[in-house]
Amino acid sequence: MSARATPDLVIRAADRGEIPSLERLIASSARALGQGYYSDAETEAAIAHVFGVDSDLVDDGSYLVATDADGRLLGCGGWSRRRTLFGGDNFAGRTPGFLDPAEDAARIRAFFVAPGAARMGIASALLAECEQRAAAMGFTRMALMATLPGVPFYAARGYVEGETIRQQCGDVAVRFISMSKTMADTATRSAVRADSFFGEAMHRERAEPTG
């Protein structure tokens, strides 16, 4: 699909050459936007063992980046038909295989926003695009593993909390919360909601996801 643009925002597929820059964005996002939710030790453990780019999604064309008109990276996030629910290339708990749209939920993966672009509608626009692309592939449900600061963001967009897990990241256990959503035309509603952020007060977003 071609890049999706607004007057100030372009959403397009990531490429492999951008992975180092995306890894830096992810780390800075986790450190800045995770404050008050995770300790420094938890954040650093998650960066080392879980957070990061899943290059399989980049190769699939389903990991997206948001940039401004000058190409500056503002955020990233993707969707997947692969079974792995969360974690970058450095995560040992990845699950092989592909999902069946008739039975399984598509994965929403690795959403991070640059600290300087927080609460500007970036994550909303990325999520709407991912939901639309997954729906176009026949998926009617979404599933994700949210970081603690990401929970209010996803909940405000129709995702329901499930199990809280404590993922062992080296010697540190880090809390994450599974969330899910039944689409039922939510891709269209999310697109409308995301577009409205660019004509209204962007700062009304309750939180920014870091994962």
C-alpha atoms as a PDB file:
ATOM      1  CA  MET A   1       0.000   0.000   0.000  1.00  0.00           C
ATOM      2  CA  SER A   2       1.223   3.522  -0.624  1.00  0.00           C
ATOM      3  CA  ALA A   3       2.248   5.868   2.179  1.00  0.00           C
ATOM      4  CA  ARG A   4      -0.642   7.469   4.002  1.00  0.00           C
ATOM      5  CA  ALA A   5      -0.182  11.176   4.627  1.00  0.00           C
ATOM      6  CA  THR A   6      -1.790  14.128   6.348  1.00  0.00           C
ATOM      7  CA  PRO A   7      -0.475  17.681   5.980  1.00  0.00           C
ATOM      8  CA  ASP A   8       2.012  16.965   8.791  1.00  0.00           C
ATOM      9  CA  LEU A   9       2.268  13.188   9.016  1.00  0.00           C
ATOM     10  CA  VAL A  10       3.312  10.367   6.695  1.00  0.00           C
ATOM     11  CA  ILE A  11       2.715   6.709   7.563  1.00  0.00           C
ATOM     12  CA  ARG A  12       4.599   4.114   5.544  1.00  0.00           C
ATOM     13  CA  ALA A  13       6.239   0.730   5.853  1.00  0.00           C
ATOM     14  CA  ALA A  14       9.580   0.618   7.642  1.00  0.00           C
ATOM     15  CA  ASP A  15      12.663  -0.681   5.854  1.00  0.00           C
ATOM     16  CA  ARG A  16      15.613  -2.633   7.212  1.00  0.00           C
ATOM     17  CA  GLY A  17      17.977   0.305   6.908  1.00  0.00           C
ATOM     18  CA  GLU A  18      15.907   2.167   9.506  1.00  0.00           C
ATOM     19  CA  ILE A  19      16.100  -0.527  12.180  1.00  0.00           C
ATOM     20  CA  PRO A  20      19.009   1.062  14.115  1.00  0.00           C
ATOM     21  CA  SER A  21      17.177   4.409  14.223  1.00  0.00           C
ATOM     22  CA  LEU A  22      13.973   2.685  15.279  1.00  0.00           C
ATOM     23  CA  GLU A  23      15.787   0.833  18.057  1.00  0.00           C
ATOM     24  CA  ARG A  24      17.058   4.169  19.383  1.00  0.00           C
ATOM     25  CA  LEU A  25      13.557   5.669  19.183  1.00  0.00           C
ATOM     26  CA  ILE A  26      12.126   2.676  21.059  1.00  0.00           C
ATOM     27  CA  ALA A  27      14.698   2.928  23.842  1.00  0.00           C
ATOM     28  CA  SER A  28      14.233   6.676  24.304  1.00  0.00           C
ATOM     29  CA  SER A  29      10.439   6.288  24.244  1.00  0.00           C
ATOM     30  CA  ALA A  30      10.519   3.553  26.873  1.00  0.00           C
ATOM     31  CA  ARG A  31      12.798   5.555  29.153  1.00  0.00           C
ATOM     32  CA  ALA A  32      10.820   8.795  28.897  1.00  0.00           C
ATOM     33  CA  LEU A  33       7.213   7.606  28.702  1.00  0.00           C
ATOM     34  CA  GLY A  34       7.591   4.698  31.120  1.00  0.00           C
ATOM     35  CA  GLN A  35       8.488   6.966  34.027  1.00  0.00           C
ATOM     36  CA  GLY A  36       6.051   6.534  36.881  1.00  0.00           C
ATOM     37  CA  TYR A  37       5.014   3.111  35.594  1.00  0.00           C
ATOM     38  CA  TYR A  38       8.267   1.160  35.687  1.00  0.00           C
ATOM     39  CA  SER A  39      11.429   1.522  37.703  1.00  0.00           C
ATOM     40  CA  ASP A  40      14.637   2.356  35.852  1.00  0.00           C
ATOM     41  CA  ALA A  41      15.775  -1.233  36.364  1.00  0.00           C
ATOM     42  CA  GLU A  42      12.544  -2.599  34.859  1.00  0.00           C
ATOM     43  CA  THR A  43      12.776  -0.270  31.867  1.00  0.00           C
ATOM     44  CA  GLU A  44      16.381  -1.146  31.118  1.00  0.00           C
ATOM     45  CA  ALA A  45      15.646  -4.862  31.488  1.00  0.00           C
ATOM     46  CA  ALA A  46      12.714  -4.604  29.084  1.00  0.00           C
ATOM     47  CA  ILE A  47      14.853  -2.703  26.555  1.00  0.00           C
ATOM     48  CA  ALA A  48      17.553  -5.360  26.776  1.00  0.00           C
ATOM     49  CA  HIS A  49      15.304  -8.420  26.580  1.00  0.00           C
ATOM     50  CA  VAL A  50      11.900  -7.532  25.068  1.00  0.00           C
ATOM     51  CA  PHE A  51      11.532  -4.118  23.448  1.00  0.00           C
ATOM     52  CA  GLY A  52      12.780  -3.657  19.918  1.00  0.00           C
ATOM     53  CA  VAL A  53      12.015  -4.162  16.263  1.00  0.00           C
ATOM     54  CA  ASP A  54      10.858  -7.560  15.030  1.00  0.00           C
ATOM     55  CA  SER A  55      12.611  -7.708  11.652  1.00  0.00           C
ATOM     56  CA  ASP A  56      10.118 -10.315  10.434  1.00  0.00           C
ATOM     57  CA  LEU A  57       7.447  -7.605  10.452  1.00  0.00           C
ATOM     58  CA  VAL A  58       9.729  -5.258   8.542  1.00  0.00           C
ATOM     59  CA  ASP A  59      10.250  -7.955   5.925  1.00  0.00           C
ATOM     60  CA  ASP A  60       6.479  -8.538   5.823  1.00  0.00           C
ATOM     61  CA  GLY A  61       5.854  -4.837   5.206  1.00  0.00           C
ATOM     62  CA  SER A  62       3.575  -4.681   8.242  1.00  0.00           C
ATOM     63  CA  TYR A  63       5.780  -2.644  10.589  1.00  0.00           C
ATOM     64  CA  LEU A  64       5.007   1.019  10.019  1.00  0.00           C
ATOM     65  CA  VAL A  65       6.724   4.291  10.785  1.00  0.00           C
ATOM     66  CA  ALA A  66       5.271   7.759  11.163  1.00  0.00           C
ATOM     67  CA  THR A  67       7.367  10.685  10.000  1.00  0.00           C
ATOM     68  CA  ASP A  68       6.915  14.393   9.571  1.00  0.00           C
ATOM     69  CA  ALA A  69       7.104  16.027   6.157  1.00  0.00           C
ATOM     70  CA  ASP A  70      10.902  16.219   6.461  1.00  0.00           C
ATOM     71  CA  GLY A  71      11.251  12.490   7.141  1.00  0.00           C
ATOM     72  CA  ARG A  72      11.959  12.777  10.878  1.00  0.00           C
ATOM     73  CA  LEU A  73      10.858   9.637  12.740  1.00  0.00           C
ATOM     74  CA  LEU A  74       7.993  10.340  15.142  1.00  0.00           C
ATOM     75  CA  GLY A  75       6.729   6.880  15.990  1.00  0.00           C
ATOM     76  CA  CYS A  76       6.470   3.266  14.960  1.00  0.00           C
ATOM     77  CA  GLY A  77       4.125   0.335  15.352  1.00  0.00           C
ATOM     78  CA  GLY A  78       2.798  -2.553  13.393  1.00  0.00           C
ATOM     79  CA  TRP A  79       0.420  -5.438  13.001  1.00  0.00           C
ATOM     80  CA  SER A  80       1.184  -9.050  12.231  1.00  0.00           C
ATOM     81  CA  ARG A  81      -0.276 -12.306  10.970  1.00  0.00           C
ATOM     82  CA  ARG A  82       2.537 -14.150  12.748  1.00  0.00           C
ATOM     83  CA  ARG A  83       1.872 -15.928  16.042  1.00  0.00           C
ATOM     84  CA  THR A  84       4.436 -14.012  18.105  1.00  0.00           C
ATOM     85  CA  LEU A  85       2.488 -11.631  20.357  1.00  0.00           C
ATOM     86  CA  PHE A  86       5.275  -9.327  21.466  1.00  0.00           C
ATOM     87  CA  GLY A  87       9.024  -8.833  21.564  1.00  0.00           C
ATOM     88  CA  GLY A  88      11.749  -7.754  19.184  1.00  0.00           C
ATOM     89  CA  ASP A  89      14.518  -9.779  17.619  1.00  0.00           C
ATOM     90  CA  ASN A  90      16.257  -9.953  21.011  1.00  0.00           C
ATOM     91  CA  PHE A  91      13.287 -11.683  22.703  1.00  0.00           C
ATOM     92  CA  ALA A  92      13.755 -15.396  23.279  1.00  0.00           C
ATOM     93  CA  GLY A  93      10.044 -16.192  23.594  1.00  0.00           C
ATOM     94  CA  ARG A  94       9.024 -15.740  19.972  1.00  0.00           C
ATOM     95  CA  THR A  95       6.446 -18.154  18.537  1.00  0.00           C
ATOM     96  CA  PRO A  96       6.812 -19.567  15.003  1.00  0.00           C
ATOM     97  CA  GLY A  97       3.964 -19.950  12.558  1.00  0.00           C
ATOM     98  CA  PHE A  98       1.159 -17.903  11.069  1.00  0.00           C
ATOM     99  CA  LEU A  99      -2.344 -17.002  12.217  1.00  0.00           C
ATOM    100  CA  ASP A 100      -5.626 -17.987  10.563  1.00  0.00           C
ATOM    101  CA  PRO A 101      -7.850 -14.897  10.135  1.00  0.00           C
ATOM    102  CA  ALA A 102     -10.947 -17.101  10.484  1.00  0.00           C
ATOM    103  CA  GLU A 103      -9.908 -18.256  13.961  1.00  0.00           C
ATOM    104  CA  ASP A 104      -7.145 -16.052  15.339  1.00  0.00           C
ATOM    105  CA  ALA A 105      -6.624 -12.450  16.324  1.00  0.00           C
ATOM    106  CA  ALA A 106      -4.109 -10.362  14.420  1.00  0.00           C
ATOM    107  CA  ARG A 107      -1.270  -9.007  16.520  1.00  0.00           C
ATOM    108  CA  ILE A 108      -0.739  -5.338  17.265  1.00  0.00           C
ATOM    109  CA  ARG A 109       3.003  -4.986  17.778  1.00  0.00           C
ATOM    110  CA  ALA A 110       5.622  -2.684  19.278  1.00  0.00           C
ATOM    111  CA  PHE A 111       4.031   0.761  19.349  1.00  0.00           C
ATOM    112  CA  PHE A 112       6.417   3.502  20.441  1.00  0.00           C
ATOM    113  CA  VAL A 113       6.313   7.276  20.056  1.00  0.00           C
ATOM    114  CA  ALA A 114       9.291   9.631  20.190  1.00  0.00           C
ATOM    115  CA  PRO A 115       9.148  11.555  23.491  1.00  0.00           C
ATOM    116  CA  GLY A 116       9.014  14.896  21.690  1.00  0.00           C
ATOM    117  CA  ALA A 117       6.026  13.751  19.631  1.00  0.00           C
ATOM    118  CA  ALA A 118       3.950  12.350  22.509  1.00  0.00           C
ATOM    119  CA  ARG A 119       0.235  13.193  22.673  1.00  0.00           C
ATOM    120  CA  MET A 120       0.106  14.536  19.155  1.00  0.00           C
ATOM    121  CA  GLY A 121      -2.072  11.800  17.650  1.00  0.00           C
ATOM    122  CA  ILE A 122       0.845   9.806  16.208  1.00  0.00           C
ATOM    123  CA  ALA A 123      -0.025   6.519  17.909  1.00  0.00           C
ATOM    124  CA  SER A 124      -3.716   6.930  17.086  1.00  0.00           C
ATOM    125  CA  ALA A 125      -2.998   7.327  13.399  1.00  0.00           C
ATOM    126  CA  LEU A 126      -0.616   4.345  13.389  1.00  0.00           C
ATOM    127  CA  LEU A 127      -3.139   2.153  15.198  1.00  0.00           C
ATOM    128  CA  ALA A 128      -5.945   3.095  12.812  1.00  0.00           C
ATOM    129  CA  GLU A 129      -3.743   2.213   9.840  1.00  0.00           C
ATOM    130  CA  CYS A 130      -2.753  -1.130  11.362  1.00  0.00           C
ATOM    131  CA  GLU A 131      -6.355  -2.039  12.130  1.00  0.00           C
ATOM    132  CA  GLN A 132      -7.413  -1.186   8.594  1.00  0.00           C
ATOM    133  CA  ARG A 133      -4.631  -3.272   7.052  1.00  0.00           C
ATOM    134  CA  ALA A 134      -5.370  -6.249   9.280  1.00  0.00           C
ATOM    135  CA  ALA A 135      -9.078  -6.014   8.474  1.00  0.00           C
ATOM    136  CA  ALA A 136      -8.236  -5.978   4.773  1.00  0.00           C
ATOM    137  CA  MET A 137      -6.502  -9.345   5.322  1.00  0.00           C
ATOM    138  CA  GLY A 138      -9.681 -10.783   6.843  1.00  0.00           C
ATOM    139  CA  PHE A 139      -8.956 -10.417  10.572  1.00  0.00           C
ATOM    140  CA  THR A 140     -11.888  -9.483  12.785  1.00  0.00           C
ATOM    141  CA  ARG A 141     -10.061  -9.511  16.129  1.00  0.00           C
ATOM    142  CA  MET A 142      -6.903  -7.893  17.482  1.00  0.00           C
ATOM    143  CA  ALA A 143      -4.626  -8.918  20.350  1.00  0.00           C
ATOM    144  CA  LEU A 144      -1.627  -7.234  21.923  1.00  0.00           C
ATOM    145  CA  MET A 145       0.606  -7.162  24.970  1.00  0.00           C
ATOM    146  CA  ALA A 146       0.554  -3.674  26.454  1.00  0.00           C
ATOM    147  CA  THR A 147       3.051  -1.939  28.646  1.00  0.00           C
ATOM    148  CA  LEU A 148       1.571  -0.265  31.709  1.00  0.00           C
ATOM    149  CA  PRO A 149       1.627   3.258  30.188  1.00  0.00           C
ATOM    150  CA  GLY A 150       0.013   1.893  27.038  1.00  0.00           C
ATOM    151  CA  VAL A 151      -3.041   0.421  28.774  1.00  0.00           C
ATOM    152  CA  PRO A 152      -5.095   3.671  28.961  1.00  0.00           C
ATOM    153  CA  PHE A 153      -4.311   4.433  25.323  1.00  0.00           C
ATOM    154  CA  TYR A 154      -5.544   1.067  24.067  1.00  0.00           C
ATOM    155  CA  ALA A 155      -8.508   0.976  26.458  1.00  0.00           C
ATOM    156  CA  ALA A 156      -9.705   4.305  25.088  1.00  0.00           C
ATOM    157  CA  ARG A 157      -9.713   2.721  21.639  1.00  0.00           C
ATOM    158  CA  GLY A 158     -11.816  -0.307  22.495  1.00  0.00           C
ATOM    159  CA  TYR A 159      -9.240  -2.800  23.750  1.00  0.00           C
ATOM    160  CA  VAL A 160     -10.199  -4.855  26.797  1.00  0.00           C
ATOM    161  CA  GLU A 161      -7.739  -5.847  29.509  1.00  0.00           C
ATOM    162  CA  GLY A 162      -6.962  -9.501  30.017  1.00  0.00           C
ATOM    163  CA  GLU A 163      -4.278 -11.282  31.969  1.00  0.00           C
ATOM    164  CA  THR A 164      -1.423  -9.454  33.673  1.00  0.00           C
ATOM    165  CA  ILE A 165       1.857 -11.242  33.152  1.00  0.00           C
ATOM    166  CA  ARG A 166       5.263 -10.827  34.745  1.00  0.00           C
ATOM    167  CA  GLN A 167       7.808 -11.402  32.000  1.00  0.00           C
ATOM    168  CA  GLN A 168      11.238 -12.378  33.215  1.00  0.00           C
ATOM    169  CA  CYS A 169      13.796 -10.063  31.613  1.00  0.00           C
ATOM    170  CA  GLY A 170      17.100 -11.349  32.845  1.00  0.00           C
ATOM    171  CA  ASP A 171      16.970 -11.006  36.620  1.00  0.00           C
ATOM    172  CA  VAL A 172      14.052  -8.549  36.546  1.00  0.00           C
ATOM    173  CA  ALA A 173      10.345  -9.372  36.211  1.00  0.00           C
ATOM    174  CA  VAL A 174       8.460  -6.765  34.172  1.00  0.00           C
ATOM    175  CA  ARG A 175       4.672  -6.448  34.157  1.00  0.00           C
ATOM    176  CA  PHE A 176       2.681  -6.413  30.925  1.00  0.00           C
ATOM    177  CA  ILE A 177      -1.065  -6.673  30.300  1.00  0.00           C
ATOM    178  CA  SER A 178      -2.696  -8.632  27.486  1.00  0.00           C
ATOM    179  CA  MET A 179      -5.483  -6.776  25.682  1.00  0.00           C
ATOM    180  CA  SER A 180      -7.865  -7.659  22.871  1.00  0.00           C
ATOM    181  CA  LYS A 181     -10.534  -6.147  20.668  1.00  0.00           C
ATOM    182  CA  THR A 182     -13.247  -7.422  18.348  1.00  0.00           C
ATOM    183  CA  MET A 183     -13.175  -5.331  15.214  1.00  0.00           C
ATOM    184  CA  ALA A 184     -16.826  -5.181  14.064  1.00  0.00           C
ATOM    185  CA  ASP A 185     -16.194  -2.157  11.876  1.00  0.00           C
ATOM    186  CA  THR A 186     -13.846  -0.612  14.432  1.00  0.00           C
ATOM    187  CA  ALA A 187     -11.247  -0.096  11.727  1.00  0.00           C
ATOM    188  CA  THR A 188     -13.512   2.494  10.120  1.00  0.00           C
ATOM    189  CA  ARG A 189     -14.395   4.080  13.450  1.00  0.00           C
ATOM    190  CA  SER A 190     -10.734   4.179  14.493  1.00  0.00           C
ATOM    191  CA  ALA A 191      -9.787   5.863  11.225  1.00  0.00           C
ATOM    192  CA  VAL A 192     -12.368   8.578  11.802  1.00  0.00           C
ATOM    193  CA  ARG A 193     -11.235   8.968  15.406  1.00  0.00           C
ATOM    194  CA  ALA A 194      -7.573   9.164  14.404  1.00  0.00           C
ATOM    195  CA  ASP A 195      -8.222  11.729  11.672  1.00  0.00           C
ATOM    196  CA  SER A 196     -10.116  13.889  14.165  1.00  0.00           C
ATOM    197  CA  PHE A 197      -6.988  14.280  16.237  1.00  0.00           C
ATOM    198  CA  PHE A 198      -5.444  16.417  13.518  1.00  0.00           C
ATOM    199  CA  GLY A 199      -8.266  18.946  13.599  1.00  0.00           C
ATOM    200  CA  GLU A 200      -8.830  18.950  17.357  1.00  0.00           C
ATOM    201  CA  ALA A 201      -6.771  19.198  20.526  1.00  0.00           C
ATOM    202  CA  MET A 202      -4.096  16.513  20.214  1.00  0.00           C
ATOM    203  CA  HIS A 203      -3.165  16.797  23.873  1.00  0.00           C
ATOM    204  CA  ARG A 204      -6.416  15.116  24.919  1.00  0.00           C
ATOM    205  CA  GLU A 205      -4.854  11.670  24.452  1.00  0.00           C
ATOM    206  CA  ARG A 206      -4.711  10.040  27.869  1.00  0.00           C
ATOM    207  CA  ALA A 207      -1.421   8.259  27.350  1.00  0.00           C
ATOM    208  CA  GLU A 208       1.115   7.123  24.807  1.00  0.00           C
ATOM    209  CA  PRO A 209       1.929   3.459  24.280  1.00  0.00           C
ATOM    210  CA  THR A 210       5.428   2.162  24.787  1.00  0.00           C
ATOM    211  CA  GLY A 211       4.806  -1.296  23.407  1.00  0.00           C
END
